[in-house]
Amino acid sequence: TADAKWAVSTGGGTEPLWSHSGKELFYRDVAGNLVAVEVQSTPTFSLGRSTTLFPAGAYLSFDRGAQYAVAPDDRRFLMIRQVPGSVPDELVVVDNWFEELKPKQRK
């Protein structure tokens, strides 16, 4: 049912994301590792083996949703790694950037 809950990790975790195939759930454990848990949805929902994929502590992590993306093949991940000693000091937002690009296009 929609109200059912399952514990995926006994040690806690953050940033859950479903695989594109729907057969795995990825998350970060409390040690900062990226973990995959096998998921079966038929005939009933059940969790299978949990596998630590790689240490992900060096990559940015926030409390507001997953800070990584899963490739369509479910085998690669896109993550942001901050360069040691660097501090982002500004954010540039460009509104209507397609309009700004039009005069620069080759014709």
N, C-alpha and C. Protein backbone atom coordinates (compact mmCIF):
# COMPACT_ATOMS: atom_id res chain seq x y z
N THR A 1 0.83 -1.19 0.00
CA THR A 1 0.00 0.00 0.00
C THR A 1 0.87 1.25 0.00
N ALA A 2 0.26 2.39 -0.24
CA ALA A 2 1.00 3.65 -0.29
C ALA A 2 1.54 4.06 1.07
N ASP A 3 0.94 3.56 2.14
CA ASP A 3 1.38 3.92 3.49
C ASP A 3 2.46 3.00 4.03
N ALA A 4 2.80 1.94 3.33
CA ALA A 4 3.78 0.98 3.82
C ALA A 4 5.18 1.59 3.85
N LYS A 5 5.99 1.18 4.83
CA LYS A 5 7.36 1.66 4.97
C LYS A 5 8.29 0.48 5.18
N TRP A 6 9.49 0.58 4.61
CA TRP A 6 10.51 -0.45 4.76
C TRP A 6 11.81 0.21 5.16
N ALA A 7 12.53 -0.40 6.09
CA ALA A 7 13.85 0.09 6.49
C ALA A 7 14.87 -0.43 5.49
N VAL A 8 15.51 0.47 4.78
CA VAL A 8 16.51 0.09 3.78
C VAL A 8 17.87 -0.08 4.45
N SER A 9 18.13 0.70 5.50
CA SER A 9 19.41 0.67 6.19
C SER A 9 19.19 0.64 7.69
N THR A 10 19.97 -0.14 8.40
CA THR A 10 19.88 -0.15 9.86
C THR A 10 20.74 0.94 10.47
N GLY A 11 21.69 1.48 9.69
CA GLY A 11 22.60 2.50 10.20
C GLY A 11 22.26 3.91 9.78
N GLY A 12 21.20 4.08 9.02
CA GLY A 12 20.82 5.40 8.54
C GLY A 12 21.40 5.70 7.18
N GLY A 13 20.90 6.74 6.56
CA GLY A 13 21.38 7.12 5.24
C GLY A 13 20.67 8.37 4.75
N THR A 14 21.20 8.94 3.69
CA THR A 14 20.63 10.15 3.10
C THR A 14 20.67 10.06 1.59
N GLU A 15 20.05 11.00 0.94
CA GLU A 15 20.09 11.19 -0.51
C GLU A 15 19.68 9.95 -1.32
N PRO A 16 18.52 9.38 -1.04
CA PRO A 16 18.10 8.20 -1.82
C PRO A 16 17.71 8.57 -3.25
N LEU A 17 18.08 7.72 -4.18
CA LEU A 17 17.67 7.85 -5.58
C LEU A 17 17.39 6.47 -6.14
N TRP A 18 16.32 6.35 -6.92
CA TRP A 18 16.01 5.09 -7.59
C TRP A 18 16.89 4.93 -8.81
N SER A 19 17.25 3.70 -9.11
CA SER A 19 17.93 3.40 -10.38
C SER A 19 16.91 3.58 -11.50
N HIS A 20 17.41 3.76 -12.71
CA HIS A 20 16.51 3.91 -13.86
C HIS A 20 15.74 2.61 -14.13
N SER A 21 16.36 1.48 -13.81
CA SER A 21 15.70 0.19 -14.02
C SER A 21 14.63 -0.08 -12.96
N GLY A 22 14.70 0.63 -11.82
CA GLY A 22 13.77 0.39 -10.73
C GLY A 22 14.12 -0.83 -9.91
N LYS A 23 15.28 -1.43 -10.16
CA LYS A 23 15.68 -2.65 -9.45
C LYS A 23 16.64 -2.38 -8.30
N GLU A 24 17.07 -1.11 -8.14
CA GLU A 24 17.99 -0.75 -7.06
C GLU A 24 17.61 0.62 -6.50
N LEU A 25 17.96 0.80 -5.24
CA LEU A 25 17.84 2.10 -4.60
C LEU A 25 19.24 2.48 -4.15
N PHE A 26 19.69 3.67 -4.53
CA PHE A 26 21.00 4.16 -4.13
C PHE A 26 20.82 5.16 -2.99
N TYR A 27 21.80 5.21 -2.08
CA TYR A 27 21.79 6.20 -1.01
C TYR A 27 23.19 6.35 -0.44
N ARG A 28 23.41 7.41 0.33
CA ARG A 28 24.68 7.58 1.04
C ARG A 28 24.50 7.09 2.47
N ASP A 29 25.43 6.27 2.94
CA ASP A 29 25.36 5.83 4.33
C ASP A 29 26.02 6.87 5.23
N VAL A 30 25.97 6.66 6.55
CA VAL A 30 26.48 7.65 7.49
C VAL A 30 27.99 7.82 7.38
N ALA A 31 28.70 6.85 6.82
CA ALA A 31 30.15 6.96 6.62
C ALA A 31 30.49 7.71 5.33
N GLY A 32 29.47 8.05 4.53
CA GLY A 32 29.70 8.78 3.29
C GLY A 32 29.84 7.91 2.06
N ASN A 33 29.65 6.61 2.20
CA ASN A 33 29.73 5.70 1.05
C ASN A 33 28.45 5.74 0.23
N LEU A 34 28.58 5.51 -1.07
CA LEU A 34 27.39 5.33 -1.90
C LEU A 34 27.05 3.84 -1.87
N VAL A 35 25.81 3.55 -1.57
CA VAL A 35 25.35 2.17 -1.38
C VAL A 35 24.21 1.87 -2.34
N ALA A 36 24.15 0.64 -2.83
CA ALA A 36 23.05 0.17 -3.67
C ALA A 36 22.34 -0.96 -2.95
N VAL A 37 21.02 -0.92 -2.94
CA VAL A 37 20.21 -1.99 -2.35
C VAL A 37 19.33 -2.56 -3.44
N GLU A 38 19.37 -3.88 -3.60
CA GLU A 38 18.51 -4.54 -4.58
C GLU A 38 17.06 -4.44 -4.12
N VAL A 39 16.17 -4.19 -5.07
CA VAL A 39 14.75 -4.04 -4.76
C VAL A 39 13.95 -4.92 -5.71
N GLN A 40 13.00 -5.65 -5.14
CA GLN A 40 12.09 -6.45 -5.95
C GLN A 40 10.68 -5.95 -5.67
N SER A 41 9.91 -5.70 -6.73
CA SER A 41 8.57 -5.16 -6.52
C SER A 41 7.45 -6.16 -6.80
N THR A 42 7.78 -7.27 -7.44
CA THR A 42 6.75 -8.28 -7.70
C THR A 42 7.24 -9.65 -7.25
N PRO A 43 6.43 -10.51 -6.74
CA PRO A 43 4.99 -10.33 -6.51
C PRO A 43 4.70 -9.39 -5.34
N THR A 44 5.64 -9.24 -4.41
CA THR A 44 5.48 -8.26 -3.33
C THR A 44 6.79 -7.49 -3.20
N PHE A 45 6.72 -6.35 -2.56
CA PHE A 45 7.92 -5.53 -2.39
C PHE A 45 8.85 -6.18 -1.39
N SER A 46 10.14 -6.28 -1.76
CA SER A 46 11.13 -6.81 -0.83
C SER A 46 12.50 -6.21 -1.16
N LEU A 47 13.34 -6.15 -0.14
CA LEU A 47 14.69 -5.63 -0.28
C LEU A 47 15.67 -6.79 -0.30
N GLY A 48 16.67 -6.68 -1.16
CA GLY A 48 17.68 -7.72 -1.26
C GLY A 48 19.01 -7.27 -0.69
N ARG A 49 20.05 -7.71 -1.34
CA ARG A 49 21.42 -7.47 -0.89
C ARG A 49 21.78 -5.98 -0.97
N SER A 50 22.55 -5.53 0.01
CA SER A 50 23.07 -4.17 0.05
C SER A 50 24.55 -4.22 -0.28
N THR A 51 25.00 -3.35 -1.20
CA THR A 51 26.40 -3.34 -1.64
C THR A 51 26.96 -1.93 -1.56
N THR A 52 28.09 -1.78 -0.87
CA THR A 52 28.79 -0.49 -0.87
C THR A 52 29.49 -0.35 -2.20
N LEU A 53 29.17 0.71 -2.95
CA LEU A 53 29.73 0.90 -4.28
C LEU A 53 31.09 1.58 -4.25
N PHE A 54 31.19 2.69 -3.53
CA PHE A 54 32.46 3.41 -3.42
C PHE A 54 32.35 4.48 -2.35
N PRO A 55 33.52 4.93 -1.82
CA PRO A 55 33.49 6.02 -0.85
C PRO A 55 33.11 7.32 -1.56
N ALA A 56 32.13 8.02 -1.04
CA ALA A 56 31.66 9.25 -1.68
C ALA A 56 31.77 10.46 -0.76
N GLY A 57 32.53 10.32 0.32
CA GLY A 57 32.67 11.40 1.29
C GLY A 57 33.34 12.65 0.74
N ALA A 58 34.15 12.52 -0.30
CA ALA A 58 34.85 13.67 -0.88
C ALA A 58 33.95 14.49 -1.80
N TYR A 59 32.75 14.00 -2.06
CA TYR A 59 31.83 14.69 -2.96
C TYR A 59 30.79 15.45 -2.16
N LEU A 60 30.33 16.57 -2.71
CA LEU A 60 29.39 17.43 -2.00
C LEU A 60 28.12 16.68 -1.60
N SER A 61 27.65 17.00 -0.42
CA SER A 61 26.43 16.38 0.10
C SER A 61 25.69 17.43 0.93
N PHE A 62 24.40 17.54 0.72
CA PHE A 62 23.57 18.48 1.46
C PHE A 62 22.35 17.75 1.99
N ASP A 63 21.63 18.42 2.87
CA ASP A 63 20.43 17.82 3.46
C ASP A 63 19.21 17.92 2.56
N ARG A 64 19.30 18.60 1.45
CA ARG A 64 18.14 18.87 0.61
C ARG A 64 18.15 18.03 -0.65
N GLY A 65 17.89 16.78 -0.54
CA GLY A 65 17.81 15.92 -1.72
C GLY A 65 19.17 15.42 -2.18
N ALA A 66 19.13 14.54 -3.14
CA ALA A 66 20.35 13.91 -3.64
C ALA A 66 21.21 14.92 -4.39
N GLN A 67 22.49 14.90 -4.13
CA GLN A 67 23.44 15.79 -4.78
C GLN A 67 24.28 15.02 -5.79
N TYR A 68 23.67 14.05 -6.44
CA TYR A 68 24.33 13.28 -7.48
C TYR A 68 23.27 12.81 -8.46
N ALA A 69 23.72 12.38 -9.62
CA ALA A 69 22.80 11.87 -10.64
C ALA A 69 23.25 10.48 -11.06
N VAL A 70 22.30 9.66 -11.43
CA VAL A 70 22.58 8.29 -11.88
C VAL A 70 22.48 8.27 -13.40
N ALA A 71 23.50 7.70 -14.05
CA ALA A 71 23.49 7.59 -15.52
C ALA A 71 22.38 6.63 -15.95
N PRO A 72 21.90 6.78 -17.18
CA PRO A 72 20.83 5.89 -17.66
C PRO A 72 21.16 4.40 -17.58
N ASP A 73 22.46 4.05 -17.62
CA ASP A 73 22.84 2.63 -17.53
C ASP A 73 22.91 2.13 -16.08
N ASP A 74 22.67 3.01 -15.11
CA ASP A 74 22.71 2.68 -13.67
C ASP A 74 24.08 2.23 -13.19
N ARG A 75 25.13 2.45 -13.97
CA ARG A 75 26.47 2.00 -13.58
C ARG A 75 27.43 3.16 -13.31
N ARG A 76 27.03 4.37 -13.66
CA ARG A 76 27.89 5.54 -13.47
C ARG A 76 27.11 6.63 -12.74
N PHE A 77 27.86 7.49 -12.07
CA PHE A 77 27.25 8.54 -11.26
C PHE A 77 27.94 9.86 -11.54
N LEU A 78 27.18 10.92 -11.51
CA LEU A 78 27.73 12.26 -11.67
C LEU A 78 27.65 12.93 -10.30
N MET A 79 28.83 13.36 -9.80
CA MET A 79 28.90 13.98 -8.48
C MET A 79 29.79 15.21 -8.56
N ILE A 80 29.64 16.11 -7.62
CA ILE A 80 30.44 17.33 -7.57
C ILE A 80 31.48 17.19 -6.47
N ARG A 81 32.73 17.43 -6.83
CA ARG A 81 33.80 17.39 -5.85
C ARG A 81 34.40 18.79 -5.74
N GLN A 82 34.42 19.31 -4.54
CA GLN A 82 34.99 20.63 -4.32
C GLN A 82 36.51 20.50 -4.26
N VAL A 83 37.20 21.41 -4.92
CA VAL A 83 38.66 21.42 -4.91
C VAL A 83 39.11 21.87 -3.52
N PRO A 84 40.01 21.10 -2.87
CA PRO A 84 40.47 21.49 -1.53
C PRO A 84 41.03 22.91 -1.53
N GLY A 85 40.62 23.70 -0.55
CA GLY A 85 41.10 25.07 -0.42
C GLY A 85 40.31 26.08 -1.21
N SER A 86 39.42 25.63 -2.07
CA SER A 86 38.62 26.58 -2.85
C SER A 86 37.29 26.82 -2.15
N VAL A 87 36.82 28.02 -2.28
CA VAL A 87 35.54 28.38 -1.70
C VAL A 87 34.74 29.12 -2.78
N PRO A 88 33.60 28.58 -3.17
CA PRO A 88 32.80 29.31 -4.15
C PRO A 88 32.37 30.65 -3.55
N ASP A 89 32.63 31.74 -4.27
CA ASP A 89 32.31 33.03 -3.71
C ASP A 89 31.21 33.78 -4.45
N GLU A 90 30.73 33.23 -5.56
CA GLU A 90 29.63 33.89 -6.24
C GLU A 90 28.85 32.89 -7.08
N LEU A 91 27.62 33.25 -7.32
CA LEU A 91 26.74 32.47 -8.18
C LEU A 91 26.24 33.41 -9.26
N VAL A 92 26.43 33.04 -10.51
CA VAL A 92 25.99 33.87 -11.62
C VAL A 92 24.75 33.24 -12.23
N VAL A 93 23.66 33.99 -12.27
CA VAL A 93 22.42 33.53 -12.87
C VAL A 93 22.19 34.35 -14.13
N VAL A 94 22.05 33.67 -15.26
CA VAL A 94 21.81 34.35 -16.53
C VAL A 94 20.39 34.06 -16.96
N ASP A 95 19.59 35.09 -17.01
CA ASP A 95 18.20 34.98 -17.42
C ASP A 95 18.13 35.08 -18.95
N ASN A 96 17.31 34.26 -19.57
CA ASN A 96 17.15 34.26 -21.04
C ASN A 96 18.47 34.07 -21.77
N TRP A 97 19.25 33.10 -21.36
CA TRP A 97 20.58 32.93 -21.94
C TRP A 97 20.55 32.51 -23.40
N PHE A 98 19.46 31.92 -23.87
CA PHE A 98 19.35 31.62 -25.30
C PHE A 98 19.35 32.91 -26.11
N GLU A 99 18.65 33.92 -25.61
CA GLU A 99 18.62 35.21 -26.30
C GLU A 99 20.01 35.83 -26.35
N GLU A 100 20.78 35.64 -25.31
CA GLU A 100 22.14 36.17 -25.27
C GLU A 100 23.06 35.44 -26.25
N LEU A 101 22.78 34.17 -26.50
CA LEU A 101 23.61 33.39 -27.42
C LEU A 101 23.30 33.66 -28.89
N LYS A 102 22.08 34.05 -29.21
CA LYS A 102 21.68 34.22 -30.61
C LYS A 102 22.60 35.14 -31.41
N PRO A 103 22.99 36.32 -30.92
CA PRO A 103 23.88 37.18 -31.71
C PRO A 103 25.27 36.58 -31.91
N LYS A 104 25.65 35.62 -31.10
CA LYS A 104 26.99 35.03 -31.18
C LYS A 104 27.05 33.81 -32.08
N GLN A 105 25.91 33.36 -32.57
CA GLN A 105 25.85 32.19 -33.45
C GLN A 105 26.39 32.52 -34.83
N ARG A 106 27.03 31.52 -35.42
CA ARG A 106 27.46 31.66 -36.82
C ARG A 106 26.25 31.55 -37.71
N LYS A 107 26.25 32.31 -38.76
CA LYS A 107 25.11 32.26 -39.68
C LYS A 107 25.51 31.69 -41.01
